[in-house]
C-alpha atoms as a PDB file:
ATOM      1  CA  VAL A   1       4.479   5.843   6.486  1.00  0.00           C
ATOM      2  CA  LEU A   2       1.035   4.240   6.717  1.00  0.00           C
ATOM      3  CA  HIS A   3       0.054   2.297   9.810  1.00  0.00           C
ATOM      4  CA  GLY A   4      -1.419  -1.186   9.983  1.00  0.00           C
ATOM      5  CA  THR A   5      -4.836  -2.484  10.937  1.00  0.00           C
ATOM      6  CA  LEU A   6      -4.428  -1.381  14.574  1.00  0.00           C
ATOM      7  CA  ARG A   7      -4.339   2.259  13.386  1.00  0.00           C
ATOM      8  CA  ASN A   8      -1.272   2.842  15.561  1.00  0.00           C
ATOM      9  CA  ALA A   9       0.328   5.710  13.687  1.00  0.00           C
ATOM     10  CA  ASP A  10       2.445   6.646  16.723  1.00  0.00           C
ATOM     11  CA  VAL A  11       4.186   3.260  16.666  1.00  0.00           C
ATOM     12  CA  TYR A  12       4.879   3.528  12.945  1.00  0.00           C
ATOM     13  CA  PHE A  13       6.153   7.091  13.342  1.00  0.00           C
ATOM     14  CA  ASP A  14       8.622   6.080  16.057  1.00  0.00           C
ATOM     15  CA  GLY A  15       9.805   3.086  14.047  1.00  0.00           C
ATOM     16  CA  MET A  16      10.390   5.118  10.908  1.00  0.00           C
ATOM     17  CA  VAL A  17      12.235   7.869  12.780  1.00  0.00           C
ATOM     18  CA  ALA A  18      14.502   5.185  14.229  1.00  0.00           C
ATOM     19  CA  ALA A  19      15.032   3.633  10.787  1.00  0.00           C
ATOM     20  CA  ALA A  20      16.034   7.012   9.326  1.00  0.00           C
ATOM     21  CA  ARG A  21      18.483   7.629  12.152  1.00  0.00           C
ATOM     22  CA  GLU A  22      19.995   4.169  11.797  1.00  0.00           C
ATOM     23  CA  ALA A  23      20.390   4.783   8.063  1.00  0.00           C
ATOM     24  CA  GLY A  24      22.278   7.994   8.823  1.00  0.00           C
ATOM     25  CA  VAL A  25      19.683  10.265   7.210  1.00  0.00           C
ATOM     26  CA  GLY A  26      17.729  11.362  10.267  1.00  0.00           C
ATOM     27  CA  GLY A  27      18.871  14.968   9.904  1.00  0.00           C
ATOM     28  CA  GLU A  28      17.658  15.273   6.317  1.00  0.00           C
ATOM     29  CA  THR A  29      14.456  13.231   6.472  1.00  0.00           C
ATOM     30  CA  MET A  30      10.980  14.331   7.497  1.00  0.00           C
ATOM     31  CA  VAL A  31       8.752  11.507   8.757  1.00  0.00           C
ATOM     32  CA  VAL A  32       4.970  11.858   8.468  1.00  0.00           C
ATOM     33  CA  ALA A  33       2.588   9.230   9.844  1.00  0.00           C
ATOM     34  CA  PRO A  34      -1.073   9.970   8.993  1.00  0.00           C
ATOM     35  CA  GLN A  35      -3.748   8.541  11.275  1.00  0.00           C
ATOM     36  CA  PHE A  36      -6.802   6.935   9.663  1.00  0.00           C
ATOM     37  CA  LEU A  37      -9.565   6.781  12.247  1.00  0.00           C
ATOM     38  CA  ALA A  38     -12.351   4.207  12.269  1.00  0.00           C
ATOM     39  CA  ASP A  39     -15.877   4.537  13.563  1.00  0.00           C
ATOM     40  CA  VAL A  40     -14.943   2.444  16.629  1.00  0.00           C
ATOM     41  CA  ASP A  41     -12.456   5.175  17.599  1.00  0.00           C
ATOM     42  CA  ALA A  42     -15.165   7.815  18.004  1.00  0.00           C
ATOM     43  CA  ALA A  43     -16.264   7.092  21.572  1.00  0.00           C
ATOM     44  CA  PRO A  44     -12.855   6.266  23.133  1.00  0.00           C
ATOM     45  CA  HIS A  45     -11.348   9.465  21.730  1.00  0.00           C
ATOM     46  CA  ALA A  46     -14.470  11.663  21.994  1.00  0.00           C
ATOM     47  CA  LEU A  47     -14.193  12.562  18.319  1.00  0.00           C
ATOM     48  CA  ASP A  48     -16.042  15.570  17.000  1.00  0.00           C
ATOM     49  CA  GLU A  49     -18.527  14.758  14.220  1.00  0.00           C
ATOM     50  CA  ARG A  50     -16.419  16.833  11.832  1.00  0.00           C
ATOM     51  CA  VAL A  51     -13.431  14.498  12.198  1.00  0.00           C
ATOM     52  CA  ALA A  52     -13.217  12.105   9.252  1.00  0.00           C
ATOM     53  CA  ARG A  53     -13.480   8.429  10.068  1.00  0.00           C
ATOM     54  CA  TRP A  54     -14.139   5.272   8.129  1.00  0.00           C
ATOM     55  CA  SER A  55     -15.298   1.748   8.823  1.00  0.00           C
ATOM     56  CA  VAL A  56     -12.696  -0.625  10.234  1.00  0.00           C
ATOM     57  CA  GLU A  57     -12.117  -2.057   6.751  1.00  0.00           C
ATOM     58  CA  GLY A  58     -13.229   0.902   4.641  1.00  0.00           C
ATOM     59  CA  TRP A  59     -10.130   3.072   5.102  1.00  0.00           C
ATOM     60  CA  LYS A  60      -7.996   0.242   3.704  1.00  0.00           C
ATOM     61  CA  GLU A  61     -10.146  -0.084   0.583  1.00  0.00           C
ATOM     62  CA  GLY A  62     -10.548   3.608  -0.281  1.00  0.00           C
ATOM     63  CA  ALA A  63     -14.200   3.696   0.748  1.00  0.00           C
ATOM     64  CA  PRO A  64     -15.925   7.005   1.576  1.00  0.00           C
ATOM     65  CA  ALA A  65     -15.808   8.212   5.161  1.00  0.00           C
ATOM     66  CA  LEU A  66     -18.777   7.336   7.367  1.00  0.00           C
ATOM     67  CA  HIS A  67     -18.471  10.699   9.122  1.00  0.00           C
ATOM     68  CA  PRO A  68     -18.997  13.461   8.304  1.00  0.00           C
ATOM     69  CA  ALA A  69     -21.966  12.032   6.467  1.00  0.00           C
ATOM     70  CA  GLY A  70     -23.376  13.134   3.134  1.00  0.00           C
ATOM     71  CA  GLY A  71     -20.208  14.266   1.410  1.00  0.00           C
ATOM     72  CA  ASP A  72     -19.021  13.524  -2.108  1.00  0.00           C
ATOM     73  CA  PRO A  73     -18.066   9.813  -2.050  1.00  0.00           C
ATOM     74  CA  VAL A  74     -14.894  10.390  -4.080  1.00  0.00           C
ATOM     75  CA  ALA A  75     -13.672  13.353  -2.052  1.00  0.00           C
ATOM     76  CA  ALA A  76     -14.542  11.498   1.173  1.00  0.00           C
ATOM     77  CA  SER A  77     -12.389   8.487   0.260  1.00  0.00           C
ATOM     78  CA  SER A  78      -9.451   7.616   2.489  1.00  0.00           C
ATOM     79  CA  TYR A  79      -7.415   7.623  -0.722  1.00  0.00           C
ATOM     80  CA  ALA A  80      -8.467  11.209  -1.448  1.00  0.00           C
ATOM     81  CA  ALA A  81      -7.235  12.123   2.021  1.00  0.00           C
ATOM     82  CA  LEU A  82      -3.898  10.541   1.150  1.00  0.00           C
ATOM     83  CA  ASP A  83      -3.899  12.446  -2.152  1.00  0.00           C
ATOM     84  CA  ALA A  84      -4.279  15.709  -0.256  1.00  0.00           C
ATOM     85  CA  LEU A  85      -1.424  14.863   2.088  1.00  0.00           C
ATOM     86  CA  VAL A  86       0.925  13.813  -0.712  1.00  0.00           C
ATOM     87  CA  GLY A  87      -0.045  16.793  -2.853  1.00  0.00           C
ATOM     88  CA  HIS A  88       0.891  19.122  -0.006  1.00  0.00           C
ATOM     89  CA  PHE A  89       4.557  18.292  -0.563  1.00  0.00           C
ATOM     90  CA  ALA A  90       4.508  19.546  -4.160  1.00  0.00           C
ATOM     91  CA  ASP A  91       4.548  23.115  -2.852  1.00  0.00           C
ATOM     92  CA  ARG A  92       8.078  24.335  -3.558  1.00  0.00           C
ATOM     93  CA  ALA A  93       7.491  27.460  -1.476  1.00  0.00           C
ATOM     94  CA  LEU A  94       7.155  25.214   1.574  1.00  0.00           C
ATOM     95  CA  TYR A  95       9.656  22.506   0.587  1.00  0.00           C
ATOM     96  CA  PRO A  96      12.269  24.036  -1.728  1.00  0.00           C
ATOM     97  CA  ALA A  97      14.891  21.364  -0.985  1.00  0.00           C
ATOM     98  CA  LEU A  98      12.668  18.289  -1.163  1.00  0.00           C
ATOM     99  CA  ALA A  99      14.254  15.726  -3.487  1.00  0.00           C
ATOM    100  CA  THR A 100      12.336  12.502  -2.900  1.00  0.00           C
ATOM    101  CA  LEU A 101       8.987  11.562  -1.391  1.00  0.00           C
ATOM    102  CA  VAL A 102       8.681   7.948  -0.248  1.00  0.00           C
ATOM    103  CA  VAL A 103       5.237   6.595   0.618  1.00  0.00           C
ATOM    104  CA  ALA A 104       5.606   3.399   2.635  1.00  0.00           C
ATOM    105  CA  GLY A 105       3.060   1.100   4.220  1.00  0.00           C
ATOM    106  CA  HIS A 106       3.207  -2.155   6.123  1.00  0.00           C
ATOM    107  CA  SER A 107       0.465  -4.775   6.516  1.00  0.00           C
ATOM    108  CA  ALA A 108      -2.872  -2.912   6.193  1.00  0.00           C
ATOM    109  CA  GLY A 109      -0.894   0.193   5.247  1.00  0.00           C
ATOM    110  CA  GLY A 110       0.635  -1.897   2.490  1.00  0.00           C
ATOM    111  CA  GLN A 111      -2.862  -2.851   1.387  1.00  0.00           C
ATOM    112  CA  VAL A 112      -3.713   0.849   1.102  1.00  0.00           C
ATOM    113  CA  LEU A 113      -0.676   1.471  -1.094  1.00  0.00           C
ATOM    114  CA  ALA A 114      -1.387  -1.584  -3.244  1.00  0.00           C
ATOM    115  CA  ARG A 115      -4.730   0.005  -4.239  1.00  0.00           C
ATOM    116  CA  TRP A 116      -3.934   3.713  -3.950  1.00  0.00           C
ATOM    117  CA  ALA A 117      -0.756   3.641  -6.057  1.00  0.00           C
ATOM    118  CA  PRO A 118      -2.540   2.284  -9.168  1.00  0.00           C
ATOM    119  CA  THR A 119      -5.522   4.644  -8.878  1.00  0.00           C
ATOM    120  CA  SER A 120      -4.020   7.904  -7.601  1.00  0.00           C
ATOM    121  CA  ARG A 121      -2.565  10.703  -9.692  1.00  0.00           C
ATOM    122  CA  ALA A 122      -1.341  12.706  -6.724  1.00  0.00           C
ATOM    123  CA  ASP A 123       2.277  12.068  -7.682  1.00  0.00           C
ATOM    124  CA  GLU A 124       1.922  13.997 -10.950  1.00  0.00           C
ATOM    125  CA  ALA A 125       2.188  17.396  -9.258  1.00  0.00           C
ATOM    126  CA  LEU A 126       5.279  16.240  -7.395  1.00  0.00           C
ATOM    127  CA  VAL A 127       6.936  14.997 -10.560  1.00  0.00           C
ATOM    128  CA  ARG A 128       6.211  18.324 -12.266  1.00  0.00           C
ATOM    129  CA  ALA A 129       7.858  20.034  -9.297  1.00  0.00           C
ATOM    130  CA  GLY A 130      10.957  17.880  -9.734  1.00  0.00           C
ATOM    131  CA  VAL A 131      10.329  15.586  -6.763  1.00  0.00           C
ATOM    132  CA  ALA A 132      10.952  11.865  -7.233  1.00  0.00           C
ATOM    133  CA  VAL A 133       8.225   9.611  -5.820  1.00  0.00           C
ATOM    134  CA  ARG A 134       8.715   6.049  -4.623  1.00  0.00           C
ATOM    135  CA  HIS A 135       6.241   3.572  -3.094  1.00  0.00           C
ATOM    136  CA  VAL A 136       7.305   0.864  -0.647  1.00  0.00           C
ATOM    137  CA  ILE A 137       4.673  -1.826  -0.078  1.00  0.00           C
ATOM    138  CA  ALA A 138       5.558  -4.149   2.793  1.00  0.00           C
ATOM    139  CA  ASN A 139       3.829  -7.402   3.781  1.00  0.00           C
ATOM    140  CA  PRO A 140       0.212  -6.717   2.774  1.00  0.00           C
ATOM    141  CA  SER A 141      -2.349  -9.485   3.197  1.00  0.00           C
ATOM    142  CA  SER A 142      -3.594  -9.124  -0.371  1.00  0.00           C
ATOM    143  CA  TRP A 143      -3.032  -7.342  -3.669  1.00  0.00           C
ATOM    144  CA  LEU A 144      -5.054  -5.723  -6.446  1.00  0.00           C
ATOM    145  CA  TYR A 145      -5.166  -7.825  -9.628  1.00  0.00           C
ATOM    146  CA  PHE A 146      -5.944  -6.144 -12.936  1.00  0.00           C
ATOM    147  CA  ASP A 147      -7.504  -9.105 -14.723  1.00  0.00           C
ATOM    148  CA  ALA A 148      -9.336 -12.286 -13.738  1.00  0.00           C
ATOM    149  CA  ARG A 149      -6.216 -14.445 -13.551  1.00  0.00           C
ATOM    150  CA  ARG A 150      -4.684 -15.616 -10.298  1.00  0.00           C
ATOM    151  CA  PRO A 151      -1.528 -17.581  -9.430  1.00  0.00           C
ATOM    152  CA  VAL A 152      -1.562 -21.254 -10.376  1.00  0.00           C
ATOM    153  CA  ALA A 153      -0.538 -23.525  -7.503  1.00  0.00           C
ATOM    154  CA  GLY A 154       3.078 -24.563  -7.763  1.00  0.00           C
ATOM    155  CA  GLY A 155       4.160 -21.337  -9.442  1.00  0.00           C
ATOM    156  CA  ALA A 156       3.096 -22.398 -12.923  1.00  0.00           C
ATOM    157  CA  GLY A 157       2.004 -18.975 -14.112  1.00  0.00           C
ATOM    158  CA  PHE A 158      -1.465 -17.416 -13.943  1.00  0.00           C
ATOM    159  CA  ALA A 159      -4.906 -18.580 -15.018  1.00  0.00           C
ATOM    160  CA  VAL A 160      -8.571 -17.777 -14.502  1.00  0.00           C
ATOM    161  CA  PRO A 161      -9.855 -19.901 -11.584  1.00  0.00           C
ATOM    162  CA  ALA A 162     -12.626 -22.417 -12.134  1.00  0.00           C
ATOM    163  CA  GLY A 163     -16.067 -20.835 -12.159  1.00  0.00           C
ATOM    164  CA  ASP A 164     -17.052 -22.264  -8.780  1.00  0.00           C
ATOM    165  CA  ALA A 165     -13.694 -21.639  -7.103  1.00  0.00           C
ATOM    166  CA  CYS A 166     -14.636 -18.478  -5.244  1.00  0.00           C
ATOM    167  CA  ALA A 167     -17.603 -16.172  -5.759  1.00  0.00           C
ATOM    168  CA  GLY A 168     -16.641 -12.513  -5.884  1.00  0.00           C
ATOM    169  CA  TYR A 169     -12.908 -13.196  -5.949  1.00  0.00           C
ATOM    170  CA  ASP A 170     -12.383 -10.484  -8.592  1.00  0.00           C
ATOM    171  CA  ASP A 171     -14.423  -7.800  -6.806  1.00  0.00           C
ATOM    172  CA  TRP A 172     -12.713  -4.735  -5.373  1.00  0.00           C
ATOM    173  CA  LYS A 173     -10.361  -4.810  -3.325  1.00  0.00           C
ATOM    174  CA  TYR A 174      -8.961  -8.007  -4.835  1.00  0.00           C
ATOM    175  CA  GLY A 175      -9.886  -7.154  -8.439  1.00  0.00           C
ATOM    176  CA  LEU A 176     -11.419  -4.344 -10.457  1.00  0.00           C
ATOM    177  CA  ARG A 177     -15.090  -5.351 -10.447  1.00  0.00           C
ATOM    178  CA  ASP A 178     -17.474  -3.070  -8.551  1.00  0.00           C
ATOM    179  CA  PRO A 179     -14.800  -0.614  -7.367  1.00  0.00           C
ATOM    180  CA  VAL A 180     -15.268   2.046  -4.706  1.00  0.00           C
ATOM    181  CA  PRO A 181     -16.261   5.453  -6.142  1.00  0.00           C
ATOM    182  CA  TYR A 182     -12.712   6.822  -5.873  1.00  0.00           C
ATOM    183  CA  ALA A 183     -11.321   3.997  -8.023  1.00  0.00           C
ATOM    184  CA  ALA A 184     -14.223   3.865 -10.492  1.00  0.00           C
ATOM    185  CA  GLY A 185     -13.015   6.985 -12.275  1.00  0.00           C
ATOM    186  CA  ALA A 186      -9.388   5.844 -12.370  1.00  0.00           C
ATOM    187  CA  LEU A 187      -9.618   2.502 -14.184  1.00  0.00           C
ATOM    188  CA  ALA A 188      -8.658   3.862 -17.618  1.00  0.00           C
ATOM    189  CA  GLY A 189      -4.923   3.383 -18.030  1.00  0.00           C
ATOM    190  CA  ILE A 190      -4.561   1.810 -14.606  1.00  0.00           C
ATOM    191  CA  VAL A 191      -2.095  -0.911 -15.659  1.00  0.00           C
ATOM    192  CA  PRO A 192       0.502   1.258 -17.440  1.00  0.00           C
ATOM    193  CA  ARG A 193       0.153   3.876 -14.726  1.00  0.00           C
ATOM    194  CA  PHE A 194       0.953   1.345 -12.014  1.00  0.00           C
ATOM    195  CA  LEU A 195       3.702  -0.396 -13.963  1.00  0.00           C
ATOM    196  CA  GLY A 196       5.381   2.978 -14.434  1.00  0.00           C
ATOM    197  CA  ARG A 197       5.637   3.646 -10.703  1.00  0.00           C
ATOM    198  CA  ASP A 198       8.962   3.510  -8.882  1.00  0.00           C
ATOM    199  CA  LEU A 199       7.838   0.798  -6.505  1.00  0.00           C
ATOM    200  CA  VAL A 200       9.441  -1.655  -4.087  1.00  0.00           C
ATOM    201  CA  ILE A 201       7.678  -4.795  -2.898  1.00  0.00           C
ATOM    202  CA  LEU A 202       9.261  -5.503   0.489  1.00  0.00           C
ATOM    203  CA  LEU A 203       8.562  -8.937   1.962  1.00  0.00           C
ATOM    204  CA  GLY A 204       9.591 -10.653   5.172  1.00  0.00           C
ATOM    205  CA  ALA A 205      11.102 -14.061   4.457  1.00  0.00           C
ATOM    206  CA  ALA A 206       9.507 -15.351   7.668  1.00  0.00           C
ATOM    207  CA  ASP A 207       6.071 -13.827   7.013  1.00  0.00           C
ATOM    208  CA  ASP A 208       4.921 -17.238   5.855  1.00  0.00           C
ATOM    209  CA  ASP A 209       2.357 -18.276   8.467  1.00  0.00           C
ATOM    210  CA  PRO A 210      -0.923 -19.258   6.755  1.00  0.00           C
ATOM    211  CA  ALA A 211      -2.665 -19.012  10.137  1.00  0.00           C
ATOM    212  CA  HIS A 212      -1.354 -15.608  11.234  1.00  0.00           C
ATOM    213  CA  ARG A 213      -4.030 -13.892  13.319  1.00  0.00           C
ATOM    214  CA  LEU A 214      -4.093 -10.760  11.131  1.00  0.00           C
ATOM    215  CA  LEU A 215      -3.810 -12.528   7.780  1.00  0.00           C
ATOM    216  CA  ASP A 216      -6.732 -12.177   5.371  1.00  0.00           C
ATOM    217  CA  ARG A 217      -7.933 -15.769   5.036  1.00  0.00           C
ATOM    218  CA  SER A 218     -10.951 -15.048   2.841  1.00  0.00           C
ATOM    219  CA  CYS A 219     -11.474 -17.153  -0.261  1.00  0.00           C
ATOM    220  CA  ALA A 220     -10.454 -14.240  -2.500  1.00  0.00           C
ATOM    221  CA  ALA A 221      -7.227 -13.727  -0.567  1.00  0.00           C
ATOM    222  CA  ARG A 222      -6.365 -17.436  -0.510  1.00  0.00           C
ATOM    223  CA  LEU A 223      -6.558 -17.497  -4.304  1.00  0.00           C
ATOM    224  CA  GLN A 224      -3.551 -15.166  -4.245  1.00  0.00           C
ATOM    225  CA  GLY A 225      -1.468 -17.601  -2.185  1.00  0.00           C
ATOM    226  CA  PRO A 226      -1.332 -19.303   1.221  1.00  0.00           C
ATOM    227  CA  HIS A 227       0.417 -16.495   3.125  1.00  0.00           C
ATOM    228  CA  ARG A 228       1.867 -12.997   2.706  1.00  0.00           C
ATOM    229  CA  LEU A 229       5.273 -14.092   1.435  1.00  0.00           C
ATOM    230  CA  ALA A 230       3.800 -16.331  -1.251  1.00  0.00           C
ATOM    231  CA  ARG A 231       1.225 -13.711  -2.248  1.00  0.00           C
ATOM    232  CA  GLY A 232       3.883 -11.019  -2.586  1.00  0.00           C
ATOM    233  CA  ARG A 233       6.215 -13.201  -4.631  1.00  0.00           C
ATOM    234  CA  ALA A 234       3.349 -14.222  -6.899  1.00  0.00           C
ATOM    235  CA  TYR A 235       2.271 -10.609  -7.369  1.00  0.00           C
ATOM    236  CA  SER A 236       5.776  -9.540  -8.295  1.00  0.00           C
ATOM    237  CA  ALA A 237       5.804 -12.266 -10.959  1.00  0.00           C
ATOM    238  CA  TYR A 238       2.336 -11.152 -12.090  1.00  0.00           C
ATOM    239  CA  LEU A 239       3.532  -7.580 -12.630  1.00  0.00           C
ATOM    240  CA  ALA A 240       6.500  -8.840 -14.630  1.00  0.00           C
ATOM    241  CA  ASP A 241       4.066 -10.901 -16.721  1.00  0.00           C
ATOM    242  CA  LEU A 242       1.913  -7.826 -17.366  1.00  0.00           C
ATOM    243  CA  ALA A 243       4.932  -5.713 -18.270  1.00  0.00           C
ATOM    244  CA  ARG A 244       6.275  -8.212 -20.818  1.00  0.00           C
ATOM    245  CA  ASP A 245       9.027  -6.338 -22.666  1.00  0.00           C
ATOM    246  CA  ALA A 246       8.231  -2.942 -21.163  1.00  0.00           C
ATOM    247  CA  ALA A 247      10.650  -1.410 -18.696  1.00  0.00           C
ATOM    248  CA  LEU A 248       9.415  -2.315 -15.202  1.00  0.00           C
ATOM    249  CA  ARG A 249      10.425   0.046 -12.398  1.00  0.00           C
ATOM    250  CA  HIS A 250       9.336  -2.360  -9.680  1.00  0.00           C
ATOM    251  CA  ARG A 251      11.731  -4.233  -7.410  1.00  0.00           C
ATOM    252  CA  LEU A 252      11.213  -7.192  -5.093  1.00  0.00           C
ATOM    253  CA  LEU A 253      13.291  -7.221  -1.897  1.00  0.00           C
ATOM    254  CA  VAL A 254      13.013 -10.016   0.679  1.00  0.00           C
ATOM    255  CA  VAL A 255      14.194  -9.414   4.250  1.00  0.00           C
ATOM    256  CA  PRO A 256      15.888 -12.529   5.677  1.00  0.00           C
ATOM    257  CA  GLY A 257      14.626 -13.820   9.016  1.00  0.00           C
ATOM    258  CA  VAL A 258      11.882 -11.219   9.509  1.00  0.00           C
ATOM    259  CA  GLY A 259       8.187 -11.969   9.832  1.00  0.00           C
ATOM    260  CA  HIS A 260       5.225  -9.605  10.224  1.00  0.00           C
ATOM    261  CA  ASP A 261       7.047  -6.787  12.012  1.00  0.00           C
ATOM    262  CA  ASN A 262       7.049  -3.250  10.618  1.00  0.00           C
ATOM    263  CA  ARG A 263       9.958  -2.051  12.767  1.00  0.00           C
ATOM    264  CA  LYS A 264      12.248  -4.900  11.713  1.00  0.00           C
ATOM    265  CA  MET A 265      11.162  -4.671   8.085  1.00  0.00           C
ATOM    266  CA  PHE A 266      11.849  -0.949   7.679  1.00  0.00           C
ATOM    267  CA  GLY A 267      14.941  -1.050   9.883  1.00  0.00           C
ATOM    268  CA  SER A 268      16.567  -3.909   7.963  1.00  0.00           C
ATOM    269  CA  ALA A 269      19.272  -3.494   5.309  1.00  0.00           C
ATOM    270  CA  CYS A 270      16.677  -4.184   2.611  1.00  0.00           C
ATOM    271  CA  GLY A 271      14.262  -1.783   4.264  1.00  0.00           C
ATOM    272  CA  ARG A 272      16.891   0.961   4.235  1.00  0.00           C
ATOM    273  CA  ALA A 273      17.636   0.206   0.589  1.00  0.00           C
ATOM    274  CA  ALA A 274      13.963   0.563  -0.266  1.00  0.00           C
ATOM    275  CA  LEU A 275      13.317   3.670   1.810  1.00  0.00           C
ATOM    276  CA  PHE A 276      16.540   5.647   1.707  1.00  0.00           C
ATOM    277  CA  GLY A 277      18.396   4.333  -1.315  1.00  0.00           C
ATOM    278  CA  ASP A 278      21.082   2.350   0.510  1.00  0.00           C
ATOM    279  CA  ALA A 279      22.848  -0.018  -1.884  1.00  0.00           C
ATOM    280  CA  ALA A 280      23.321  -2.928   0.507  1.00  0.00           C
ATOM    281  CA  CYS A 281      20.531  -5.482   0.690  1.00  0.00           C
END
C-alpha cells in the first residue's frame, strides 16, 4: 500500500493491517508499506546521503531521486524503486504460496499507481511465476491521459481543449508529453498494456470537494474535472472509450458516504472487494 502526500507510511500500514483483519484474511495476508522520502525529510530524520530521497512532488511523478546524486535517471526513479519491491515477490523460493499481489494507493499513492501501472513491466515476472497482480487506485487528484483529449463538461464525451485553454495541460504527469526518463522508454504499447491490467478504480462518493486542501487545483488537473470523484468517473469512462470492443479488466467501485480518507476507503465493503476479492460491494 502506497502512502499519500504526507509520506505517512506507518498510518497506511496500520490501516491496511486493520482492513485485512476486518476482511478475515489477516492471517494469510502480508502488508508492505514502502516509505518514499523527500528532500525535506533529510534534516528531521538525519538521513545519510546514501538514503534515496526525491523532491516533494518528484516521487509521485516517477522523477529521479535527488540523493544520492549522479545516478542513472531511470534507475533512480521512484517508479524503479517500486519495480524492485514488486519484483522481489516473484521469487518463489521466498514466497512459494503467494497467490495474489495487490498494489494499492490512496491520494498521492493513487497518483503514483496511475502513472506507474501503465509504464512498469515489473508485473511480468510475477505473472510468469503464477502470481496474479491487481492494482487498486483510490482517490487520486489526477490521472494520466494517453491522448490530447479531456472530458467535456456535462459528461458529453472527450475532446481536445481549445488551444488557449491551458498551456502544458498534456505534459507529464497529466499527459505523455515530455515524460520523466523512466516513462520515456515505456511509451510504446502503453495503452494496451494499461488496459490489460487487472485494475480497480476506487472512489469515495463524498470526495467531491473542489476546494479540498490537498486537491490538485492546477489548470491541467481542473481540465480532468472539478474534484476527485468527477475526475475518477471521467477517467473510467475514458478507459472504456479507449478500449472500445476490447475486453477491459478495469472496474469502477464507488464507496458510499466516504470522502478523502484512506482508512475508510480500504476498510469499506467496496475496499475489501477491491483488495481481498470480497463479493459484496
